Amino acid sequence: MKEFKFLLIAFIAFSVNGFSQIPTDYLSKEFHKERRDILRSKMPANSVTVVFANPVRNRANDVDYIFHQDPNFYYLTGYREPNAVLVLFSENQTNEKGDSYNEILYVQKRDKRAEQWNGKRLGTEGATSELGFKTAMNAEGFLKSNIDFKAFDKVFIEKFNDDYRNLGDAADIFDLVKGFKTNAGYDPSIYLSGVKEYVYNNIANAPIESSANVIQTITRIEGDYEEIKDDKLIKEYKSATTGDLKKEIKQKITLALKPKTNIDITFLAANLATMREVKTAEELKLLTKAVRISAVGQIEVMKAMKPHMSESELQGIHEFVYKKYGAEYEGYPSIVGAGNNGCILHYIENNQTKVGNDMVLMDLGAEYRGFTADVTRTIPASGKFTTAQKEIYDLVYEAQEAGIALYTIGTSMKAPNLAAIKIINEGLFKLGIIKSADEVHPYFPHGTSHHIGLDVHDPGNYGNFEENMVVTMEPGIYIPDGSNCDKKYWGIGIRIEDDILVTKNGPVNLSGEAPRTTIEIEKMMAKKSVLEDFVLPNLDK
């Protein structure tokens, strides 16, 4: 009997601590509070910041996509549910009871029926106990609040994309945004598009004597953008015949760059980009795990790869490894392209039924606790590189090695890309694929370096490398069928991508576990896979 009681207690303990466990290694509430405090310190007096959660997005009929929080909202709050608003004040405010506060998190309210269908909600109590907010209210409270946004000198928001539906809930994101726009007097027509702002800035900042150069720039752009070609002020600037006329138009354009509103759509994006490009120790721990999970996925696929496999099967092996490690999602749609498919930069169909003896480009990244890796390997499905495949691969590897060496504090973030371009151009010339090292060609059409973090393309200013940045290094060569070169190179698309941590002691390759050289790859592919004995029944017989 005693033994039975012991087993029962052990089973209950396992049930509670095993089956019911949820991850506990998310970013801490102290991290998010520190981020809010830093952002608040950058806000000028008498200003307020308003950040909205992501909407729920519809997949088909009554099925929605898995909800994914807006990275900036998560960065500042840690809240992982929709229908929420964060309000930060530059100075302390006082409520009707005389209590002081400088931030409010509005969250979706607890609802037994909604939670029965879609899972438990944090609610206001959870927002205070688990996320550390002193002031948390239900989202309906935002619609009824007495915050006078027009009374602030500056109201900082992110630009609205308006890509969400009205779900009919009392306080979904559609209603929260609509309510804010009404209360704050938001008028989208006064804001310039990105390309128009670029042209206006060129005109405003250039001296009158340089107007010919500015007009030359405008002429290049307006062929692709009707809004530039048809813009009244730009037309007047181009046709102005005297310096005085051009000066008068410049003044009008300068005024247009400063719309008469207290709502600012640039401050928040710029400052959060600066904050997010350098990672804290807490962020690096999670991001490193995401990267290592992705590297292990590449290793397991190298061992499992066989010519009869499909692209989607290879994708499944990667993503199984991610789930095995507890990664919630993929950081972006997985890319597995065999042969000519590998020459399509963002190929996500992954529907070729056999990879054959082609090179297979695999660009995938696990998302772990919100942080996304970005790791690419390109390997021969046969397990052995042909001479042509090895020639192209070694050239990409050489370019990547040269670039990684430049991931040092203070170095321009443009330097690795320029180094890779030089090596690849010279190499393609030696192989006879291009006619000169200076030839403009389509075989290396992208840059090499971008930040990773809560986004696979994390925001940043792209100035110089700083300590604790994590930036990809991803040169590539893509020679699609029908290219103007020797046919032996046709259908070879190769990209090698690693996630590099910038440190005081030089670059650290966080994804270095996954083999990169041709010799290392062939050795790994010769190893036995644990999946070789995993055989499913044939459903076509």
Protein backbone atom coordinates (compact mmCIF):
# COMPACT_ATOMS: atom_id res chain seq x y z
CA MET A 1 0.00 0.00 0.00
CA LYS A 2 2.84 2.38 0.90
CA GLU A 3 4.47 1.57 -2.40
CA PHE A 4 1.20 2.38 -4.25
CA LYS A 5 0.92 5.73 -2.44
CA PHE A 6 4.53 6.54 -3.34
CA LEU A 7 3.89 5.72 -7.00
CA LEU A 8 0.68 7.78 -6.99
CA ILE A 9 2.47 10.79 -5.51
CA ALA A 10 5.30 10.37 -8.02
CA PHE A 11 2.81 10.18 -10.90
CA ILE A 12 0.98 13.32 -9.74
CA ALA A 13 4.29 15.16 -9.36
CA PHE A 14 5.32 14.10 -12.87
CA SER A 15 1.93 15.13 -14.24
CA VAL A 16 2.26 18.60 -12.72
CA ASN A 17 5.93 19.14 -13.47
CA GLY A 18 6.14 17.19 -16.70
CA PHE A 19 2.95 17.32 -18.74
CA SER A 20 1.83 20.75 -17.53
CA GLN A 21 5.12 22.58 -17.86
CA ILE A 22 5.37 25.61 -20.08
CA PRO A 23 8.67 27.25 -21.05
CA THR A 24 10.24 29.40 -18.36
CA ASP A 25 13.22 30.75 -20.29
CA TYR A 26 11.55 33.68 -22.02
CA LEU A 27 13.06 37.13 -21.60
CA SER A 28 12.58 38.31 -18.02
CA LYS A 29 10.13 41.03 -17.00
CA GLU A 30 13.16 43.01 -15.80
CA PHE A 31 14.54 42.98 -19.35
CA HIS A 32 11.35 44.44 -20.81
CA LYS A 33 11.10 47.07 -18.07
CA GLU A 34 14.67 48.15 -18.73
CA ARG A 35 13.86 48.50 -22.45
CA ARG A 36 10.89 50.74 -21.61
CA ASP A 37 13.00 52.83 -19.26
CA ILE A 38 15.69 53.31 -21.92
CA LEU A 39 13.11 54.32 -24.52
CA ARG A 40 11.45 56.71 -22.07
CA SER A 41 14.82 58.35 -21.38
CA LYS A 42 15.07 59.20 -25.08
CA MET A 43 11.62 60.79 -25.20
CA PRO A 44 11.46 64.61 -24.99
CA ALA A 45 9.39 66.38 -22.34
CA ASN A 46 5.61 66.26 -22.64
CA SER A 47 5.56 63.32 -25.02
CA VAL A 48 3.82 59.96 -25.16
CA THR A 49 4.57 56.71 -26.99
CA VAL A 50 1.77 54.42 -28.18
CA VAL A 51 2.60 50.90 -29.43
CA PHE A 52 0.03 48.40 -30.68
CA ALA A 53 0.17 44.60 -30.60
CA ASN A 54 -0.08 42.64 -33.83
CA PRO A 55 -3.53 41.69 -35.11
CA VAL A 56 -4.85 38.17 -35.55
CA ARG A 57 -4.54 37.34 -39.24
CA ASN A 58 -6.96 35.15 -41.17
CA ARG A 59 -5.68 32.12 -43.06
CA ALA A 60 -8.91 30.85 -44.63
CA ASN A 61 -12.61 30.99 -43.73
CA ASP A 62 -12.77 30.58 -39.94
CA VAL A 63 -9.13 29.49 -39.52
CA ASP A 64 -6.48 32.01 -38.44
CA TYR A 65 -2.72 31.92 -38.71
CA ILE A 66 -0.84 31.14 -35.50
CA PHE A 67 -0.57 34.47 -33.73
CA HIS A 68 2.86 36.10 -33.73
CA GLN A 69 3.47 39.21 -31.67
CA ASP A 70 4.83 42.43 -33.16
CA PRO A 71 8.56 42.25 -32.27
CA ASN A 72 8.76 45.84 -31.01
CA PHE A 73 5.70 45.35 -28.83
CA TYR A 74 7.14 42.13 -27.42
CA TYR A 75 10.54 43.79 -26.91
CA LEU A 76 8.93 46.45 -24.72
CA THR A 77 6.33 44.35 -22.89
CA GLY A 78 6.87 40.58 -23.06
CA TYR A 79 3.12 40.25 -23.83
CA ARG A 80 2.43 37.49 -26.37
CA GLU A 81 -1.30 38.00 -27.03
CA PRO A 82 -3.21 40.17 -29.53
CA ASN A 83 -5.52 43.14 -28.90
CA ALA A 84 -3.24 45.15 -26.65
CA VAL A 85 -1.74 48.65 -26.43
CA LEU A 86 1.28 50.01 -24.57
CA VAL A 87 1.28 53.68 -23.55
CA LEU A 88 4.50 55.26 -22.22
CA PHE A 89 4.63 58.78 -20.82
CA SER A 90 7.75 60.92 -20.64
CA GLU A 91 6.69 62.21 -17.20
CA ASN A 92 4.66 60.75 -14.37
CA GLN A 93 0.89 61.07 -14.67
CA THR A 94 -1.68 61.08 -11.87
CA ASN A 95 -4.99 59.23 -11.91
CA GLU A 96 -8.28 60.14 -10.22
CA LYS A 97 -7.16 58.46 -6.99
CA GLY A 98 -3.95 60.46 -6.88
CA ASP A 99 -1.76 57.49 -7.82
CA SER A 100 1.31 58.20 -9.96
CA TYR A 101 2.18 56.19 -13.10
CA ASN A 102 4.27 56.58 -16.25
CA GLU A 103 3.04 53.62 -18.31
CA ILE A 104 -0.11 51.60 -18.95
CA LEU A 105 -0.48 48.22 -20.58
CA TYR A 106 -3.95 47.60 -22.00
CA VAL A 107 -4.61 43.88 -22.54
CA GLN A 108 -7.45 41.68 -23.75
CA LYS A 109 -9.70 40.83 -20.83
CA ARG A 110 -10.21 37.39 -19.33
CA ASP A 111 -13.13 35.58 -20.94
CA LYS A 112 -14.07 32.00 -19.96
CA ARG A 113 -15.72 31.17 -23.28
CA ALA A 114 -12.90 32.64 -25.40
CA GLU A 115 -10.31 30.88 -23.25
CA GLN A 116 -12.11 27.55 -23.62
CA TRP A 117 -11.71 27.80 -27.38
CA ASN A 118 -8.38 29.59 -27.78
CA GLY A 119 -6.40 29.20 -24.57
CA LYS A 120 -5.82 31.05 -21.33
CA ARG A 121 -5.37 34.81 -21.36
CA LEU A 122 -2.99 36.67 -19.09
CA GLY A 123 -5.47 39.42 -18.19
CA THR A 124 -4.68 42.45 -16.06
CA GLU A 125 -3.60 40.36 -13.06
CA GLY A 126 -1.11 38.42 -15.18
CA ALA A 127 0.16 41.63 -16.74
CA THR A 128 1.07 42.91 -13.28
CA SER A 129 2.29 39.67 -11.67
CA GLU A 130 4.08 38.08 -14.63
CA LEU A 131 5.08 41.08 -16.75
CA GLY A 132 5.74 43.51 -13.91
CA PHE A 133 3.43 46.35 -14.94
CA LYS A 134 2.15 48.45 -12.05
CA THR A 135 -0.76 49.71 -14.15
CA ALA A 136 -2.62 47.30 -16.42
CA MET A 137 -6.16 47.67 -17.75
CA ASN A 138 -8.50 45.81 -20.07
CA ALA A 139 -8.28 46.92 -23.69
CA GLU A 140 -11.75 48.47 -23.56
CA GLY A 141 -10.26 50.96 -21.12
CA PHE A 142 -8.08 52.39 -23.89
CA LEU A 143 -11.19 53.28 -25.88
CA LYS A 144 -12.73 54.96 -22.85
CA SER A 145 -9.55 56.58 -21.49
CA ASN A 146 -9.29 60.30 -20.90
CA ILE A 147 -5.79 60.53 -22.40
CA ASP A 148 -5.75 63.76 -24.41
CA PHE A 149 -3.22 62.94 -27.10
CA LYS A 150 -3.62 66.39 -28.65
CA ALA A 151 -2.29 67.96 -25.45
CA PHE A 152 1.17 66.40 -25.87
CA ASP A 153 3.94 68.09 -27.80
CA LYS A 154 4.82 64.76 -29.40
CA VAL A 155 2.93 61.49 -29.85
CA PHE A 156 5.25 58.71 -31.04
CA ILE A 157 3.78 55.81 -33.01
CA GLU A 158 4.88 53.35 -35.66
CA LYS A 159 3.48 53.85 -39.15
CA PHE A 160 0.13 52.09 -39.55
CA ASN A 161 -0.02 49.47 -42.29
CA ASP A 162 -3.79 49.01 -41.82
CA ASP A 163 -3.51 45.33 -42.81
CA TYR A 164 -6.03 43.87 -40.37
CA ARG A 165 -9.70 42.96 -40.31
CA ASN A 166 -12.47 44.09 -38.03
CA LEU A 167 -13.13 40.86 -36.14
CA GLY A 168 -16.23 42.23 -34.42
CA ASP A 169 -14.80 42.06 -30.89
CA ALA A 170 -15.43 45.03 -28.64
CA ALA A 171 -11.76 45.94 -28.44
CA ASP A 172 -9.78 44.19 -31.14
CA ILE A 173 -6.82 45.91 -32.81
CA PHE A 174 -9.08 47.32 -35.51
CA ASP A 175 -11.13 49.18 -32.89
CA LEU A 176 -8.13 50.16 -30.76
CA VAL A 177 -6.33 51.73 -33.72
CA LYS A 178 -9.52 53.38 -34.99
CA GLY A 179 -10.17 54.85 -31.54
CA PHE A 180 -6.64 56.19 -31.30
CA LYS A 181 -6.78 57.77 -34.75
CA THR A 182 -9.99 59.58 -33.84
CA ASN A 183 -8.82 60.77 -30.43
CA ALA A 184 -5.37 61.84 -31.63
CA GLY A 185 -6.53 63.48 -34.87
CA TYR A 186 -4.36 61.22 -37.02
CA ASP A 187 -4.33 62.22 -40.71
CA PRO A 188 -2.30 59.82 -42.91
CA SER A 189 -2.45 62.14 -45.93
CA ILE A 190 0.12 64.53 -44.42
CA TYR A 191 2.87 61.90 -44.30
CA LEU A 192 5.18 61.33 -47.25
CA SER A 193 5.94 57.91 -48.71
CA GLY A 194 9.49 56.64 -48.29
CA VAL A 195 10.56 57.40 -51.86
CA LYS A 196 8.97 60.87 -51.83
CA GLU A 197 10.63 61.67 -48.52
CA TYR A 198 13.96 60.57 -50.03
CA VAL A 199 13.55 62.88 -53.04
CA TYR A 200 12.32 65.81 -50.92
CA ASN A 201 15.33 65.43 -48.61
CA ASN A 202 17.66 65.42 -51.60
CA ILE A 203 16.15 68.69 -52.80
CA ALA A 204 16.04 70.30 -49.35
CA ASN A 205 19.63 69.43 -48.42
CA ALA A 206 21.36 70.14 -51.72
CA PRO A 207 22.75 73.63 -52.45
CA ILE A 208 21.14 75.44 -55.39
CA GLU A 209 24.33 75.10 -57.46
CA SER A 210 24.00 71.29 -57.20
CA SER A 211 20.42 71.22 -58.50
CA ALA A 212 21.50 69.63 -61.80
CA ASN A 213 22.79 66.58 -59.89
CA VAL A 214 19.57 66.40 -57.87
CA ILE A 215 17.45 66.56 -61.05
CA GLN A 216 19.56 63.76 -62.51
CA THR A 217 18.76 61.62 -59.45
CA ILE A 218 15.05 62.45 -59.72
CA THR A 219 15.02 61.50 -63.42
CA ARG A 220 16.48 58.07 -62.59
CA ILE A 221 13.83 57.44 -59.92
CA GLU A 222 10.68 58.81 -61.54
CA GLY A 223 10.62 56.11 -64.20
CA ASP A 224 9.76 53.58 -61.48
CA TYR A 225 7.54 55.79 -59.32
CA GLU A 226 4.52 57.61 -60.77
CA GLU A 227 4.09 59.57 -57.52
CA ILE A 228 7.48 61.20 -58.13
CA LYS A 229 6.78 61.85 -61.79
CA ASP A 230 3.41 63.46 -61.02
CA ASP A 231 4.38 65.40 -57.88
CA LYS A 232 3.62 69.12 -58.31
CA LEU A 233 6.52 70.48 -56.23
CA ILE A 234 9.05 68.15 -57.88
CA LYS A 235 7.80 69.20 -61.32
CA GLU A 236 8.17 72.87 -60.36
CA TYR A 237 11.70 72.26 -59.04
CA LYS A 238 12.76 70.52 -62.24
CA SER A 239 11.33 73.24 -64.49
CA ALA A 240 12.50 76.25 -62.44
CA THR A 241 14.74 78.40 -64.60
CA THR A 242 16.34 80.62 -61.96
CA GLY A 243 18.09 80.10 -58.63
CA ASP A 244 15.50 82.24 -56.85
CA LEU A 245 12.65 80.06 -58.12
CA LYS A 246 14.48 76.91 -57.03
CA LYS A 247 15.12 78.45 -53.59
CA GLU A 248 11.41 79.26 -53.20
CA ILE A 249 10.42 75.68 -54.09
CA LYS A 250 13.08 74.31 -51.73
CA GLN A 251 11.43 76.23 -48.88
CA LYS A 252 8.02 74.70 -49.72
CA ILE A 253 9.55 71.23 -49.83
CA THR A 254 11.31 71.78 -46.49
CA LEU A 255 7.96 72.69 -44.94
CA ALA A 256 6.36 69.59 -46.48
CA LEU A 257 9.00 67.49 -44.73
CA LYS A 258 7.72 68.79 -41.40
CA PRO A 259 3.97 68.10 -41.32
CA LYS A 260 1.87 70.19 -38.92
CA THR A 261 1.02 67.50 -36.41
CA ASN A 262 2.24 66.32 -33.04
CA ILE A 263 2.16 62.69 -34.25
CA ASP A 264 5.65 61.47 -35.13
CA ILE A 265 6.07 58.21 -37.11
CA THR A 266 9.90 58.20 -37.30
CA PHE A 267 11.18 58.56 -33.69
CA LEU A 268 10.00 55.18 -32.47
CA ALA A 269 11.30 53.11 -35.38
CA ALA A 270 14.67 54.88 -35.33
CA ASN A 271 15.25 54.56 -31.59
CA LEU A 272 14.08 50.96 -31.33
CA ALA A 273 16.37 50.07 -34.23
CA THR A 274 19.31 51.53 -32.31
CA MET A 275 18.33 49.67 -29.15
CA ARG A 276 17.72 46.34 -30.84
CA GLU A 277 20.87 46.14 -32.95
CA VAL A 278 23.11 45.55 -29.89
CA LYS A 279 22.09 42.50 -27.84
CA THR A 280 22.16 42.11 -24.07
CA ALA A 281 23.56 38.96 -22.40
CA GLU A 282 19.99 37.76 -21.84
CA GLU A 283 19.14 38.15 -25.52
CA LEU A 284 22.38 36.50 -26.64
CA LYS A 285 21.62 33.39 -24.61
CA LEU A 286 18.30 32.83 -26.40
CA LEU A 287 19.54 33.90 -29.82
CA THR A 288 22.56 31.62 -29.57
CA LYS A 289 20.28 28.69 -28.75
CA ALA A 290 18.12 29.45 -31.81
CA VAL A 291 21.24 29.52 -33.97
CA ARG A 292 22.67 26.29 -32.56
CA ILE A 293 19.33 24.51 -33.02
CA SER A 294 19.39 25.59 -36.67
CA ALA A 295 22.97 24.39 -37.08
CA VAL A 296 22.08 20.98 -35.64
CA GLY A 297 19.18 20.81 -38.11
CA GLN A 298 21.66 21.32 -40.97
CA ILE A 299 23.88 18.55 -39.57
CA GLU A 300 21.03 16.03 -39.33
CA VAL A 301 19.92 16.78 -42.88
CA MET A 302 23.47 16.33 -44.15
CA LYS A 303 23.47 12.83 -42.65
CA ALA A 304 19.97 12.01 -43.90
CA MET A 305 20.21 13.46 -47.42
CA LYS A 306 19.56 11.03 -50.27
CA PRO A 307 18.91 11.72 -53.99
CA HIS A 308 15.42 10.16 -53.84
CA MET A 309 14.25 12.59 -51.15
CA SER A 310 11.93 15.51 -51.85
CA GLU A 311 12.55 19.12 -50.93
CA SER A 312 9.63 19.07 -48.51
CA GLU A 313 10.95 15.95 -46.77
CA LEU A 314 14.26 17.70 -46.16
CA GLN A 315 12.38 20.72 -44.87
CA GLY A 316 10.50 18.43 -42.50
CA ILE A 317 13.72 17.03 -41.04
CA HIS A 318 14.98 20.53 -40.29
CA GLU A 319 11.73 21.55 -38.65
CA PHE A 320 11.47 18.30 -36.67
CA VAL A 321 14.84 19.10 -35.11
CA TYR A 322 13.54 22.57 -34.22
CA LYS A 323 10.49 21.13 -32.48
CA LYS A 324 12.61 18.50 -30.72
CA TYR A 325 14.53 21.34 -29.08
CA GLY A 326 11.35 23.19 -28.18
CA ALA A 327 11.57 25.95 -30.78
CA GLU A 328 8.07 27.34 -31.27
CA TYR A 329 8.23 28.23 -34.95
CA GLU A 330 10.41 28.78 -37.96
CA GLY A 331 11.69 32.33 -38.07
CA TYR A 332 10.67 32.68 -41.73
CA PRO A 333 9.36 30.37 -44.48
CA SER A 334 11.88 27.56 -44.97
CA ILE A 335 13.84 27.56 -48.24
CA VAL A 336 14.93 24.18 -49.63
CA GLY A 337 15.84 24.44 -53.30
CA ALA A 338 17.48 21.72 -55.40
CA GLY A 339 19.35 22.61 -58.59
CA ASN A 340 17.79 25.50 -60.45
CA ASN A 341 15.35 26.10 -57.56
CA GLY A 342 18.39 27.10 -55.47
CA CYS A 343 18.89 30.03 -57.84
CA ILE A 344 15.57 31.52 -56.70
CA LEU A 345 16.51 33.61 -53.68
CA HIS A 346 13.25 33.27 -51.76
CA TYR A 347 12.07 29.92 -53.11
CA ILE A 348 9.56 28.59 -50.54
CA GLU A 349 7.41 26.17 -52.56
CA ASN A 350 9.79 23.28 -51.72
CA ASN A 351 7.74 20.95 -53.92
CA GLN A 352 10.31 19.17 -56.09
CA THR A 353 9.68 15.47 -55.50
CA LYS A 354 13.30 14.31 -55.96
CA VAL A 355 16.46 16.34 -55.42
CA GLY A 356 18.46 13.96 -57.65
CA ASN A 357 22.20 14.67 -57.83
CA ASP A 358 21.87 18.44 -57.70
CA MET A 359 23.17 20.88 -55.15
CA VAL A 360 20.52 21.60 -52.52
CA LEU A 361 20.38 25.06 -50.98
CA MET A 362 18.79 25.08 -47.51
CA ASP A 363 18.13 28.45 -45.86
CA LEU A 364 16.27 27.90 -42.60
CA GLY A 365 16.16 29.30 -39.09
CA ALA A 366 14.54 28.21 -35.86
CA GLU A 367 12.66 30.72 -33.74
CA TYR A 368 13.33 30.10 -30.07
CA ARG A 369 11.51 32.20 -27.46
CA GLY A 370 11.00 34.89 -30.05
CA PHE A 371 14.59 34.99 -31.38
CA THR A 372 15.27 33.91 -34.94
CA ALA A 373 18.35 32.31 -36.47
CA ASP A 374 19.26 32.45 -40.16
CA VAL A 375 21.57 29.67 -41.33
CA THR A 376 22.18 28.45 -44.88
CA ARG A 377 24.09 25.45 -46.16
CA THR A 378 24.32 24.16 -49.71
CA ILE A 379 25.26 20.52 -50.16
CA PRO A 380 25.41 17.91 -52.95
CA ALA A 381 22.50 15.47 -52.73
CA SER A 382 24.82 12.68 -53.89
CA GLY A 383 27.16 13.25 -50.96
CA LYS A 384 30.06 14.27 -53.24
CA PHE A 385 30.80 17.58 -54.97
CA THR A 386 31.40 17.50 -58.72
CA THR A 387 34.33 19.56 -60.01
CA ALA A 388 32.03 22.38 -61.20
CA GLN A 389 30.05 22.39 -57.94
CA LYS A 390 33.25 22.52 -55.90
CA GLU A 391 34.67 25.40 -57.96
CA ILE A 392 31.62 27.56 -57.28
CA TYR A 393 31.30 26.44 -53.65
CA ASP A 394 34.94 27.15 -52.79
CA LEU A 395 34.61 30.62 -54.29
CA VAL A 396 31.58 31.40 -52.09
CA TYR A 397 33.41 29.97 -49.05
CA GLU A 398 36.47 32.14 -49.73
CA ALA A 399 34.24 35.21 -49.98
CA GLN A 400 32.50 34.32 -46.73
CA GLU A 401 35.76 33.78 -44.85
CA ALA A 402 37.08 37.16 -46.03
CA GLY A 403 33.86 38.83 -44.93
CA ILE A 404 33.71 37.18 -41.48
CA ALA A 405 37.25 38.40 -40.73
CA LEU A 406 35.96 41.98 -41.01
CA TYR A 407 33.29 41.58 -38.32
CA THR A 408 35.32 43.62 -35.87
CA ILE A 409 34.34 46.53 -33.63
CA GLY A 410 34.47 49.84 -35.51
CA THR A 411 34.59 48.35 -39.01
CA SER A 412 32.00 49.59 -41.49
CA MET A 413 29.16 47.13 -41.98
CA LYS A 414 29.58 47.67 -45.72
CA ALA A 415 33.11 46.22 -45.67
CA PRO A 416 32.25 42.47 -45.66
CA ASN A 417 29.93 42.89 -48.64
CA LEU A 418 32.57 44.79 -50.63
CA ALA A 419 35.18 42.15 -49.81
CA ALA A 420 32.84 39.36 -50.93
CA ILE A 421 31.96 41.15 -54.18
CA LYS A 422 35.66 41.57 -55.06
CA ILE A 423 36.51 37.91 -54.44
CA ILE A 424 33.45 36.57 -56.25
CA ASN A 425 33.92 38.85 -59.28
CA GLU A 426 37.58 37.91 -59.62
CA GLY A 427 36.74 34.23 -59.19
CA LEU A 428 33.93 34.24 -61.74
CA PHE A 429 36.29 35.93 -64.21
CA LYS A 430 38.97 33.27 -63.67
CA LEU A 431 36.38 30.55 -64.26
CA GLY A 432 35.31 32.24 -67.50
CA ILE A 433 31.75 32.85 -66.28
CA ILE A 434 32.06 36.63 -66.71
CA LYS A 435 34.24 38.50 -69.22
CA SER A 436 35.99 40.80 -66.73
CA ALA A 437 36.21 41.32 -62.97
CA ASP A 438 34.41 44.65 -63.44
CA GLU A 439 31.48 43.24 -65.40
CA VAL A 440 28.00 43.94 -64.04
CA HIS A 441 26.37 40.52 -63.75
CA PRO A 442 23.32 38.84 -62.14
CA TYR A 443 25.14 36.00 -60.34
CA PHE A 444 25.50 37.72 -56.94
CA PRO A 445 22.36 39.88 -56.60
CA HIS A 446 22.15 40.49 -52.83
CA GLY A 447 24.11 41.89 -49.90
CA THR A 448 25.86 39.80 -47.29
CA SER A 449 24.98 41.27 -43.93
CA HIS A 450 21.87 41.90 -41.85
CA HIS A 451 21.07 41.93 -38.15
CA ILE A 452 19.14 39.04 -36.63
CA GLY A 453 17.18 38.94 -33.37
CA LEU A 454 13.43 39.13 -32.80
CA ASP A 455 13.17 39.55 -36.57
CA VAL A 456 15.14 37.55 -39.12
CA HIS A 457 15.99 40.94 -40.62
CA ASP A 458 16.31 42.82 -37.36
CA PRO A 459 16.23 46.62 -37.52
CA GLY A 460 19.47 48.54 -37.25
CA ASN A 461 21.30 51.62 -38.49
CA TYR A 462 23.98 49.73 -40.44
CA GLY A 463 26.84 52.02 -39.53
CA ASN A 464 29.85 50.33 -37.93
CA PHE A 465 30.06 47.01 -36.10
CA GLU A 466 29.63 47.23 -32.33
CA GLU A 467 30.23 44.70 -29.59
CA ASN A 468 27.38 42.18 -29.15
CA MET A 469 25.82 42.73 -32.54
CA VAL A 470 24.78 39.49 -34.26
CA VAL A 471 24.91 39.85 -38.04
CA THR A 472 24.70 37.33 -40.87
CA MET A 473 27.45 36.78 -43.43
CA GLU A 474 25.88 35.26 -46.54
CA PRO A 475 27.60 35.52 -49.91
CA GLY A 476 26.12 33.51 -52.77
CA ILE A 477 26.48 32.65 -56.44
CA TYR A 478 23.43 31.70 -58.52
CA ILE A 479 23.78 30.48 -62.10
CA PRO A 480 20.32 29.54 -63.42
CA ASP A 481 19.73 27.33 -66.44
CA GLY A 482 20.28 29.19 -69.69
CA SER A 483 22.96 31.53 -68.29
CA ASN A 484 25.59 32.95 -70.65
CA CYS A 485 28.38 30.64 -69.51
CA ASP A 486 29.57 27.03 -69.74
CA LYS A 487 26.62 24.65 -69.28
CA LYS A 488 28.46 22.69 -66.59
CA TYR A 489 27.69 25.57 -64.20
CA TRP A 490 23.97 25.79 -65.06
CA GLY A 491 21.57 25.14 -62.21
CA ILE A 492 24.17 25.69 -59.50
CA GLY A 493 22.93 27.99 -56.74
CA ILE A 494 25.13 28.24 -53.65
CA ARG A 495 24.74 30.33 -50.53
CA ILE A 496 26.64 29.90 -47.26
CA GLU A 497 25.18 31.86 -44.38
CA ASP A 498 26.32 32.07 -40.79
CA ASP A 499 25.33 34.17 -37.79
CA ILE A 500 28.33 36.10 -36.48
CA LEU A 501 28.67 37.61 -33.00
CA VAL A 502 30.90 40.69 -32.82
CA THR A 503 33.13 40.60 -29.72
CA LYS A 504 36.17 42.42 -28.30
CA ASN A 505 38.25 39.41 -29.30
CA GLY A 506 36.99 39.27 -32.86
CA PRO A 507 34.12 37.50 -34.69
CA VAL A 508 32.51 34.37 -33.26
CA ASN A 509 30.59 32.10 -35.64
CA LEU A 510 27.54 31.04 -33.62
CA SER A 511 26.46 28.58 -36.34
CA GLY A 512 29.91 27.10 -36.86
CA GLU A 513 28.81 23.66 -35.69
CA ALA A 514 27.31 23.02 -39.12
CA PRO A 515 30.13 22.03 -41.52
CA ARG A 516 31.06 24.62 -44.14
CA THR A 517 34.03 23.35 -46.16
CA THR A 518 33.56 20.79 -48.94
CA ILE A 519 35.70 18.25 -47.07
CA GLU A 520 33.76 18.69 -43.80
CA ILE A 521 30.41 18.45 -45.60
CA GLU A 522 31.34 15.25 -47.44
CA LYS A 523 32.57 13.68 -44.19
CA MET A 524 29.31 14.57 -42.41
CA MET A 525 27.18 13.29 -45.28
CA ALA A 526 28.98 9.93 -45.11
CA LYS A 527 27.76 9.39 -41.54
CA LYS A 528 24.75 7.22 -40.75
CA SER A 529 21.50 9.04 -40.00
CA VAL A 530 19.21 7.99 -37.18
CA LEU A 531 16.38 8.40 -39.69
CA GLU A 532 17.58 5.64 -42.02
CA ASP A 533 15.47 3.07 -40.16
CA PHE A 534 12.43 5.34 -40.05
CA VAL A 535 10.31 3.91 -42.85
CA LEU A 536 6.63 4.71 -43.30
CA PRO A 537 4.11 2.53 -45.18
CA ASN A 538 3.62 3.20 -48.89
CA LEU A 539 0.18 4.79 -49.21
CA ASP A 540 0.11 4.61 -53.03
CA LYS A 541 -0.19 0.82 -53.13
